[in-house]
Protein backbone atom coordinates (compact mmCIF):
# COMPACT_ATOMS: atom_id res chain seq x y z
CA UNK A 1 -15.69 -141.39 20.74
CA UNK A 2 -19.87 -141.20 20.94
CA UNK A 3 -21.75 -143.06 24.40
CA UNK A 4 -23.16 -146.50 23.11
CA UNK A 5 -27.22 -146.21 22.89
CA UNK A 6 -28.27 -149.66 24.94
CA UNK A 7 -30.59 -152.50 22.65
CA UNK A 8 -33.62 -152.26 21.96
CA UNK A 9 -36.51 -152.09 20.03
CA UNK A 10 -36.30 -151.12 15.88
CA UNK A 11 -37.31 -147.17 16.11
CA UNK A 12 -36.98 -147.53 19.92
CA UNK A 13 -34.24 -144.77 21.22
CA UNK A 14 -33.32 -146.11 24.47
CA UNK A 15 -30.80 -143.84 26.94
CA UNK A 16 -27.33 -144.16 26.42
CA UNK A 17 -25.85 -146.94 29.27
CA UNK A 18 -23.09 -146.07 32.00
CA UNK A 19 -19.38 -147.17 30.66
CA UNK A 20 -17.75 -147.89 34.42
CA UNK A 21 -14.63 -145.43 33.55
CA UNK A 22 -17.30 -142.68 32.86
CA UNK A 23 -18.16 -143.19 36.93
CA UNK A 24 -15.00 -143.41 37.45
CA UNK A 25 -14.13 -139.85 35.56
CA UNK A 26 -16.92 -138.08 37.45
CA UNK A 27 -14.88 -139.08 40.17
CA UNK A 28 -11.89 -136.93 39.60
CA UNK A 29 -10.27 -134.80 41.43
CA UNK A 30 -12.69 -135.83 44.43
CA UNK A 31 -11.10 -137.88 47.76
CA UNK A 32 -11.86 -141.74 46.23
CA UNK A 33 -12.25 -145.45 48.10
CA UNK A 34 -9.80 -148.33 46.69
CA UNK A 35 -9.92 -151.62 48.16
CA UNK A 36 -7.02 -154.11 46.43
CA UNK A 37 -6.45 -157.52 46.59
CA UNK A 38 -4.31 -158.43 49.59
CA UNK A 39 -6.95 -157.00 52.14
CA UNK A 40 -5.03 -153.30 51.25
CA UNK A 41 -6.71 -150.06 51.17
CA UNK A 42 -6.40 -147.24 49.81
CA UNK A 43 -8.32 -143.34 50.62
CA UNK A 44 -7.06 -140.57 48.59
CA UNK A 45 -7.09 -137.49 45.53
CA UNK A 46 -7.97 -138.68 42.10
CA UNK A 47 -5.53 -137.27 39.81
CA UNK A 48 -5.99 -139.33 36.74
CA UNK A 49 -6.43 -143.18 35.45
CA UNK A 50 -6.27 -145.04 32.20
CA UNK A 51 -7.97 -147.96 30.47
CA UNK A 52 -7.06 -150.28 32.43
CA UNK A 53 -7.81 -148.89 36.15
CA UNK A 54 -4.22 -147.80 36.98
CA UNK A 55 -4.96 -144.65 39.35
CA UNK A 56 -2.77 -141.98 40.38
CA UNK A 57 -4.13 -140.73 43.68
CA UNK A 58 -2.57 -137.93 46.28
CA UNK A 59 -2.78 -137.66 49.56
CA UNK A 60 -3.69 -140.62 50.30
CA UNK A 61 -3.78 -143.06 53.27
CA UNK A 62 -3.31 -146.77 53.16
CA UNK A 63 -4.03 -148.49 55.69
CA UNK A 64 -3.31 -152.55 56.64
CA UNK A 65 -4.78 -154.76 58.26
CA UNK A 66 -3.00 -157.48 60.02
CA UNK A 67 -3.94 -160.11 61.61
CA UNK A 68 -1.46 -162.59 64.37
CA UNK A 69 -2.22 -165.61 65.85
CA UNK A 70 -0.52 -166.29 69.81
CA UNK A 71 0.78 -170.17 69.26
CA UNK A 72 0.31 -171.12 73.28
CA UNK A 73 -2.77 -169.54 73.65
CA UNK A 74 -4.57 -169.40 70.24
CA UNK A 75 -5.51 -165.69 70.23
CA UNK A 76 -6.23 -163.76 66.95
CA UNK A 77 -5.10 -160.66 67.39
CA UNK A 78 -5.66 -157.47 64.65
CA UNK A 79 -4.09 -154.64 64.35
CA UNK A 80 -4.29 -151.35 61.88
CA UNK A 81 -0.92 -149.66 60.53
CA UNK A 82 -1.69 -146.65 58.30
CA UNK A 83 0.92 -144.17 56.38
CA UNK A 84 0.11 -141.60 54.55
CA UNK A 85 1.90 -141.37 50.75
CA UNK A 86 2.22 -138.21 48.75
CA UNK A 87 1.34 -139.31 45.45
CA UNK A 88 0.84 -142.56 44.88
CA UNK A 89 0.25 -144.92 41.62
CA UNK A 90 -1.48 -148.36 42.49
CA UNK A 91 -1.98 -150.77 39.74
CA UNK A 92 -5.41 -151.46 37.67
CA UNK A 93 -4.44 -154.82 38.05
CA UNK A 94 -4.40 -154.94 41.37
CA UNK A 95 -7.95 -152.86 42.10
CA UNK A 96 -10.69 -155.07 43.98
CA UNK A 97 -13.64 -151.51 44.62
CA UNK A 98 -13.33 -147.88 43.68
CA UNK A 99 -15.73 -146.24 45.52
CA UNK A 100 -16.60 -142.91 44.78
CA UNK A 101 -17.58 -140.36 47.29
CA UNK A 102 -21.89 -139.75 48.43
CA UNK A 103 -23.29 -136.88 46.81
CA UNK A 104 -25.82 -135.37 48.60
């Protein structure tokens, strides 16, 4: 499918607009950061994606922040739980953010 052209004055060619999935395509086979609903975060190598933002990540690390409250002292305790996952499928409707690596 050819890239969409930006609307502009008649007779003036505009630069093609980058679509969000085009930007994800640039991150294939690189490490990405994915923030999910519910406070979970994933870091892993992006192997595949589709138009629904479903992702396949390899060599992933999942981080989940758990906050507990002490009923007696009303203190808040926060701890992070991390686990390694060899391969994971991430459903697109749970994704809040995908961040590709910084380019230098």
